[in-house]
Amino acid sequence: MVDPKHAVSKAATCDIEGCDAESSRSISGKKVEKAGFEITVDPSKNAHLCKEHYKQFKKKTKTDREYERLGR
């Protein structure tokens, strides 16, 4: 049986400086930098975040996301 192309998973690590944990989410690099994180990849690309840094990202951007929802 042939495996679908989208099922291929590569083990990526967190792109936050100093973190070597396995990534679980990928978010726009510009949004991650705007939230105050130092990333090791180009901001114009997606940044991979581990569970802990994703949780911190969600907390830091909570009010921004609320304003976004209210403005639409």
PDB file of N, CA and C in Angstrom:
ATOM      1  N   MET A   1       0.842  -1.181   0.000  1.00  0.00           N
ATOM      2  CA  MET A   1       0.000   0.000   0.000  1.00  0.00           C
ATOM      3  C   MET A   1       0.885   1.241   0.000  1.00  0.00           C
ATOM      4  N   VAL A   2       0.544   2.223  -0.784  1.00  0.00           N
ATOM      5  CA  VAL A   2       1.312   3.449  -0.905  1.00  0.00           C
ATOM      6  C   VAL A   2       0.893   4.426   0.192  1.00  0.00           C
ATOM      7  N   ASP A   3       1.871   4.999   0.872  1.00  0.00           N
ATOM      8  CA  ASP A   3       1.588   5.982   1.915  1.00  0.00           C
ATOM      9  C   ASP A   3       1.284   7.331   1.280  1.00  0.00           C
ATOM     10  N   PRO A   4       0.276   8.037   1.780  1.00  0.00           N
ATOM     11  CA  PRO A   4       0.000   9.375   1.252  1.00  0.00           C
ATOM     12  C   PRO A   4       1.111  10.347   1.625  1.00  0.00           C
ATOM     13  N   LYS A   5       1.308  11.344   0.789  1.00  0.00           N
ATOM     14  CA  LYS A   5       2.399  12.303   1.003  1.00  0.00           C
ATOM     15  C   LYS A   5       2.222  13.103   2.288  1.00  0.00           C
ATOM     16  N   HIS A   6       0.996  13.429   2.637  1.00  0.00           N
ATOM     17  CA  HIS A   6       0.768  14.253   3.826  1.00  0.00           C
ATOM     18  C   HIS A   6       0.993  13.490   5.126  1.00  0.00           C
ATOM     19  N   ALA A   7       1.092  12.177   5.060  1.00  0.00           N
ATOM     20  CA  ALA A   7       1.270  11.379   6.273  1.00  0.00           C
ATOM     21  C   ALA A   7       2.732  11.320   6.722  1.00  0.00           C
ATOM     22  N   VAL A   8       3.632  11.791   5.884  1.00  0.00           N
ATOM     23  CA  VAL A   8       5.047  11.763   6.244  1.00  0.00           C
ATOM     24  C   VAL A   8       5.286  12.790   7.328  1.00  0.00           C
ATOM     25  N   SER A   9       5.814  12.351   8.450  1.00  0.00           N
ATOM     26  CA  SER A   9       6.064  13.286   9.539  1.00  0.00           C
ATOM     27  C   SER A   9       7.554  13.322   9.832  1.00  0.00           C
ATOM     28  N   LYS A  10       8.071  14.524   9.893  1.00  0.00           N
ATOM     29  CA  LYS A  10       9.478  14.649  10.248  1.00  0.00           C
ATOM     30  C   LYS A  10       9.552  15.191  11.667  1.00  0.00           C
ATOM     31  N   ALA A  11      10.484  14.689  12.398  1.00  0.00           N
ATOM     32  CA  ALA A  11      10.631  15.107  13.791  1.00  0.00           C
ATOM     33  C   ALA A  11      11.322  16.466  13.824  1.00  0.00           C
ATOM     34  N   ALA A  12      10.550  17.510  14.075  1.00  0.00           N
ATOM     35  CA  ALA A  12      11.102  18.858  14.154  1.00  0.00           C
ATOM     36  C   ALA A  12      11.230  19.250  15.618  1.00  0.00           C
ATOM     37  N   THR A  13      12.167  20.130  15.871  1.00  0.00           N
ATOM     38  CA  THR A  13      12.333  20.621  17.236  1.00  0.00           C
ATOM     39  C   THR A  13      11.778  22.036  17.332  1.00  0.00           C
ATOM     40  N   CYS A  14      11.564  22.472  18.529  1.00  0.00           N
ATOM     41  CA  CYS A  14      11.036  23.805  18.804  1.00  0.00           C
ATOM     42  C   CYS A  14      12.009  24.860  18.280  1.00  0.00           C
ATOM     43  N   ASP A  15      11.494  25.904  17.636  1.00  0.00           N
ATOM     44  CA  ASP A  15      12.327  26.953  17.054  1.00  0.00           C
ATOM     45  C   ASP A  15      12.595  28.118  18.000  1.00  0.00           C
ATOM     46  N   ILE A  16      12.202  28.022  19.251  1.00  0.00           N
ATOM     47  CA  ILE A  16      12.503  29.046  20.237  1.00  0.00           C
ATOM     48  C   ILE A  16      13.953  28.863  20.672  1.00  0.00           C
ATOM     49  N   GLU A  17      14.687  29.965  20.768  1.00  0.00           N
ATOM     50  CA  GLU A  17      16.107  29.887  21.148  1.00  0.00           C
ATOM     51  C   GLU A  17      16.285  29.164  22.471  1.00  0.00           C
ATOM     52  N   GLY A  18      17.166  28.164  22.476  1.00  0.00           N
ATOM     53  CA  GLY A  18      17.493  27.442  23.690  1.00  0.00           C
ATOM     54  C   GLY A  18      16.589  26.268  24.013  1.00  0.00           C
ATOM     55  N   CYS A  19      15.586  25.993  23.185  1.00  0.00           N
ATOM     56  CA  CYS A  19      14.671  24.889  23.448  1.00  0.00           C
ATOM     57  C   CYS A  19      14.932  23.760  22.455  1.00  0.00           C
ATOM     58  N   ASP A  20      15.047  22.542  22.962  1.00  0.00           N
ATOM     59  CA  ASP A  20      15.281  21.383  22.102  1.00  0.00           C
ATOM     60  C   ASP A  20      14.137  20.386  22.147  1.00  0.00           C
ATOM     61  N   ALA A  21      12.990  20.781  22.656  1.00  0.00           N
ATOM     62  CA  ALA A  21      11.843  19.879  22.757  1.00  0.00           C
ATOM     63  C   ALA A  21      11.232  19.628  21.382  1.00  0.00           C
ATOM     64  N   GLU A  22      10.507  18.543  21.265  1.00  0.00           N
ATOM     65  CA  GLU A  22       9.846  18.201  20.007  1.00  0.00           C
ATOM     66  C   GLU A  22       8.682  19.158  19.760  1.00  0.00           C
ATOM     67  N   SER A  23       8.549  19.619  18.530  1.00  0.00           N
ATOM     68  CA  SER A  23       7.495  20.582  18.224  1.00  0.00           C
ATOM     69  C   SER A  23       6.151  19.889  18.076  1.00  0.00           C
ATOM     70  N   SER A  24       5.094  20.627  18.404  1.00  0.00           N
ATOM     71  CA  SER A  24       3.751  20.080  18.262  1.00  0.00           C
ATOM     72  C   SER A  24       2.862  20.972  17.396  1.00  0.00           C
ATOM     73  N   ARG A  25       3.217  22.243  17.255  1.00  0.00           N
ATOM     74  CA  ARG A  25       2.424  23.185  16.451  1.00  0.00           C
ATOM     75  C   ARG A  25       3.349  24.039  15.606  1.00  0.00           C
ATOM     76  N   SER A  26       2.822  24.580  14.533  1.00  0.00           N
ATOM     77  CA  SER A  26       3.583  25.535  13.753  1.00  0.00           C
ATOM     78  C   SER A  26       2.719  26.769  13.537  1.00  0.00           C
ATOM     79  N   ILE A  27       3.332  27.932  13.778  1.00  0.00           N
ATOM     80  CA  ILE A  27       2.622  29.211  13.737  1.00  0.00           C
ATOM     81  C   ILE A  27       3.475  30.189  12.940  1.00  0.00           C
ATOM     82  N   SER A  28       2.862  31.196  12.387  1.00  0.00           N
ATOM     83  CA  SER A  28       3.569  32.224  11.639  1.00  0.00           C
ATOM     84  C   SER A  28       4.698  32.818  12.478  1.00  0.00           C
ATOM     85  N   GLY A  29       5.883  32.892  11.895  1.00  0.00           N
ATOM     86  CA  GLY A  29       7.037  33.410  12.604  1.00  0.00           C
ATOM     87  C   GLY A  29       6.862  34.860  13.030  1.00  0.00           C
ATOM     88  N   LYS A  30       6.149  35.632  12.214  1.00  0.00           N
ATOM     89  CA  LYS A  30       5.917  37.034  12.548  1.00  0.00           C
ATOM     90  C   LYS A  30       5.063  37.163  13.810  1.00  0.00           C
ATOM     91  N   LYS A  31       4.054  36.314  13.934  1.00  0.00           N
ATOM     92  CA  LYS A  31       3.194  36.355  15.123  1.00  0.00           C
ATOM     93  C   LYS A  31       3.975  35.937  16.365  1.00  0.00           C
ATOM     94  N   VAL A  32       4.851  34.945  16.213  1.00  0.00           N
ATOM     95  CA  VAL A  32       5.635  34.466  17.351  1.00  0.00           C
ATOM     96  C   VAL A  32       6.603  35.547  17.819  1.00  0.00           C
ATOM     97  N   GLU A  33       7.263  36.235  16.869  1.00  0.00           N
ATOM     98  CA  GLU A  33       8.173  37.319  17.243  1.00  0.00           C
ATOM     99  C   GLU A  33       7.420  38.487  17.863  1.00  0.00           C
ATOM    100  N   LYS A  34       6.240  38.788  17.327  1.00  0.00           N
ATOM    101  CA  LYS A  34       5.438  39.887  17.861  1.00  0.00           C
ATOM    102  C   LYS A  34       5.030  39.618  19.314  1.00  0.00           C
ATOM    103  N   ALA A  35       4.882  38.339  19.656  1.00  0.00           N
ATOM    104  CA  ALA A  35       4.522  37.955  21.026  1.00  0.00           C
ATOM    105  C   ALA A  35       5.710  38.063  21.973  1.00  0.00           C
ATOM    106  N   GLY A  36       6.919  38.299  21.434  1.00  0.00           N
ATOM    107  CA  GLY A  36       8.072  38.514  22.286  1.00  0.00           C
ATOM    108  C   GLY A  36       9.041  37.356  22.386  1.00  0.00           C
ATOM    109  N   PHE A  37       8.892  36.340  21.556  1.00  0.00           N
ATOM    110  CA  PHE A  37       9.795  35.200  21.579  1.00  0.00           C
ATOM    111  C   PHE A  37      10.948  35.409  20.601  1.00  0.00           C
ATOM    112  N   GLU A  38      12.111  34.896  20.949  1.00  0.00           N
ATOM    113  CA  GLU A  38      13.269  34.905  20.061  1.00  0.00           C
ATOM    114  C   GLU A  38      13.287  33.575  19.315  1.00  0.00           C
ATOM    115  N   ILE A  39      13.153  33.619  17.985  1.00  0.00           N
ATOM    116  CA  ILE A  39      13.130  32.379  17.217  1.00  0.00           C
ATOM    117  C   ILE A  39      14.413  32.217  16.415  1.00  0.00           C
ATOM    118  N   THR A  40      14.719  30.972  16.066  1.00  0.00           N
ATOM    119  CA  THR A  40      15.966  30.661  15.356  1.00  0.00           C
ATOM    120  C   THR A  40      15.771  30.556  13.856  1.00  0.00           C
ATOM    121  N   VAL A  41      14.555  30.743  13.358  1.00  0.00           N
ATOM    122  CA  VAL A  41      14.284  30.664  11.919  1.00  0.00           C
ATOM    123  C   VAL A  41      13.892  32.037  11.388  1.00  0.00           C
ATOM    124  N   ASP A  42      13.820  32.140  10.086  1.00  0.00           N
ATOM    125  CA  ASP A  42      13.411  33.369   9.423  1.00  0.00           C
ATOM    126  C   ASP A  42      11.962  33.692   9.799  1.00  0.00           C
ATOM    127  N   PRO A  43      11.674  34.908  10.260  1.00  0.00           N
ATOM    128  CA  PRO A  43      10.313  35.263  10.688  1.00  0.00           C
ATOM    129  C   PRO A  43       9.272  35.174   9.577  1.00  0.00           C
ATOM    130  N   SER A  44       9.695  35.210   8.321  1.00  0.00           N
ATOM    131  CA  SER A  44       8.726  35.131   7.231  1.00  0.00           C
ATOM    132  C   SER A  44       8.239  33.696   7.014  1.00  0.00           C
ATOM    133  N   LYS A  45       8.828  32.735   7.716  1.00  0.00           N
ATOM    134  CA  LYS A  45       8.407  31.339   7.614  1.00  0.00           C
ATOM    135  C   LYS A  45       7.684  30.932   8.896  1.00  0.00           C
ATOM    136  N   ASN A  46       7.086  29.759   8.888  1.00  0.00           N
ATOM    137  CA  ASN A  46       6.417  29.260  10.082  1.00  0.00           C
ATOM    138  C   ASN A  46       7.437  28.828  11.126  1.00  0.00           C
ATOM    139  N   ALA A  47       7.123  29.079  12.365  1.00  0.00           N
ATOM    140  CA  ALA A  47       7.971  28.650  13.478  1.00  0.00           C
ATOM    141  C   ALA A  47       7.297  27.473  14.166  1.00  0.00           C
ATOM    142  N   HIS A  48       8.073  26.451  14.478  1.00  0.00           N
ATOM    143  CA  HIS A  48       7.560  25.278  15.173  1.00  0.00           C
ATOM    144  C   HIS A  48       7.697  25.503  16.672  1.00  0.00           C
ATOM    145  N   LEU A  49       6.623  25.227  17.411  1.00  0.00           N
ATOM    146  CA  LEU A  49       6.620  25.417  18.856  1.00  0.00           C
ATOM    147  C   LEU A  49       6.312  24.104  19.571  1.00  0.00           C
ATOM    148  N   CYS A  50       6.982  23.891  20.691  1.00  0.00           N
ATOM    149  CA  CYS A  50       6.680  22.731  21.538  1.00  0.00           C
ATOM    150  C   CYS A  50       5.412  23.043  22.324  1.00  0.00           C
ATOM    151  N   LYS A  51       4.908  22.069  23.057  1.00  0.00           N
ATOM    152  CA  LYS A  51       3.664  22.261  23.807  1.00  0.00           C
ATOM    153  C   LYS A  51       3.783  23.391  24.819  1.00  0.00           C
ATOM    154  N   GLU A  52       4.911  23.456  25.524  1.00  0.00           N
ATOM    155  CA  GLU A  52       5.090  24.472  26.565  1.00  0.00           C
ATOM    156  C   GLU A  52       5.147  25.885  25.970  1.00  0.00           C
ATOM    157  N   HIS A  53       5.909  26.065  24.896  1.00  0.00           N
ATOM    158  CA  HIS A  53       6.003  27.390  24.288  1.00  0.00           C
ATOM    159  C   HIS A  53       4.698  27.775  23.582  1.00  0.00           C
ATOM    160  N   TYR A  54       3.965  26.795  23.041  1.00  0.00           N
ATOM    161  CA  TYR A  54       2.670  27.090  22.432  1.00  0.00           C
ATOM    162  C   TYR A  54       1.703  27.599  23.498  1.00  0.00           C
ATOM    163  N   LYS A  55       1.750  26.985  24.672  1.00  0.00           N
ATOM    164  CA  LYS A  55       0.899  27.403  25.792  1.00  0.00           C
ATOM    165  C   LYS A  55       1.229  28.844  26.197  1.00  0.00           C
ATOM    166  N   GLN A  56       2.525  29.163  26.278  1.00  0.00           N
ATOM    167  CA  GLN A  56       2.952  30.525  26.613  1.00  0.00           C
ATOM    168  C   GLN A  56       2.523  31.507  25.527  1.00  0.00           C
ATOM    169  N   PHE A  57       2.639  31.099  24.259  1.00  0.00           N
ATOM    170  CA  PHE A  57       2.231  31.941  23.138  1.00  0.00           C
ATOM    171  C   PHE A  57       0.740  32.261  23.227  1.00  0.00           C
ATOM    172  N   LYS A  58      -0.077  31.253  23.525  1.00  0.00           N
ATOM    173  CA  LYS A  58      -1.515  31.462  23.632  1.00  0.00           C
ATOM    174  C   LYS A  58      -1.860  32.437  24.759  1.00  0.00           C
ATOM    175  N   LYS A  59      -1.137  32.330  25.887  1.00  0.00           N
ATOM    176  CA  LYS A  59      -1.389  33.238  27.006  1.00  0.00           C
ATOM    177  C   LYS A  59      -1.017  34.672  26.649  1.00  0.00           C
ATOM    178  N   LYS A  60       0.125  34.853  25.970  1.00  0.00           N
ATOM    179  CA  LYS A  60       0.579  36.200  25.633  1.00  0.00           C
ATOM    180  C   LYS A  60      -0.289  36.858  24.575  1.00  0.00           C
ATOM    181  N   THR A  61      -0.921  36.097  23.718  1.00  0.00           N
ATOM    182  CA  THR A  61      -1.700  36.671  22.626  1.00  0.00           C
ATOM    183  C   THR A  61      -3.203  36.624  22.875  1.00  0.00           C
ATOM    184  N   LYS A  62      -3.609  36.300  24.074  1.00  0.00           N
ATOM    185  CA  LYS A  62      -5.031  36.146  24.384  1.00  0.00           C
ATOM    186  C   LYS A  62      -5.824  37.421  24.099  1.00  0.00           C
ATOM    187  N   THR A  63      -5.362  38.552  24.582  1.00  0.00           N
ATOM    188  CA  THR A  63      -6.117  39.798  24.374  1.00  0.00           C
ATOM    189  C   THR A  63      -6.136  40.197  22.905  1.00  0.00           C
ATOM    190  N   ASP A  64      -5.028  39.980  22.183  1.00  0.00           N
ATOM    191  CA  ASP A  64      -4.992  40.301  20.754  1.00  0.00           C
ATOM    192  C   ASP A  64      -6.022  39.484  19.988  1.00  0.00           C
ATOM    193  N   ARG A  65      -6.126  38.217  20.338  1.00  0.00           N
ATOM    194  CA  ARG A  65      -7.086  37.352  19.657  1.00  0.00           C
ATOM    195  C   ARG A  65      -8.513  37.746  19.987  1.00  0.00           C
ATOM    196  N   GLU A  66      -8.761  38.207  21.204  1.00  0.00           N
ATOM    197  CA  GLU A  66     -10.102  38.664  21.574  1.00  0.00           C
ATOM    198  C   GLU A  66     -10.480  39.915  20.779  1.00  0.00           C
ATOM    199  N   TYR A  67      -9.553  40.850  20.652  1.00  0.00           N
ATOM    200  CA  TYR A  67      -9.810  42.064  19.870  1.00  0.00           C
ATOM    201  C   TYR A  67     -10.059  41.729  18.404  1.00  0.00           C
ATOM    202  N   GLU A  68      -9.334  40.753  17.869  1.00  0.00           N
ATOM    203  CA  GLU A  68      -9.518  40.333  16.501  1.00  0.00           C
ATOM    204  C   GLU A  68     -10.935  39.802  16.277  1.00  0.00           C
ATOM    205  N   ARG A  69     -11.397  38.988  17.212  1.00  0.00           N
ATOM    206  CA  ARG A  69     -12.741  38.415  17.090  1.00  0.00           C
ATOM    207  C   ARG A  69     -13.813  39.490  17.192  1.00  0.00           C
ATOM    208  N   LEU A  70     -13.619  40.480  18.066  1.00  0.00           N
ATOM    209  CA  LEU A  70     -14.616  41.535  18.238  1.00  0.00           C
ATOM    210  C   LEU A  70     -14.667  42.469  17.036  1.00  0.00           C
ATOM    211  N   GLY A  71     -13.541  42.636  16.372  1.00  0.00           N
ATOM    212  CA  GLY A  71     -13.471  43.553  15.239  1.00  0.00           C
ATOM    213  C   GLY A  71     -14.095  43.022  13.980  1.00  0.00           C
ATOM    214  N   ARG A  72     -14.374  41.765  13.924  1.00  0.00           N
ATOM    215  CA  ARG A  72     -14.928  41.186  12.679  1.00  0.00           C
ATOM    216  C   ARG A  72     -16.408  41.180  12.665  1.00  0.00           C
TER     217      ARG A  72
END
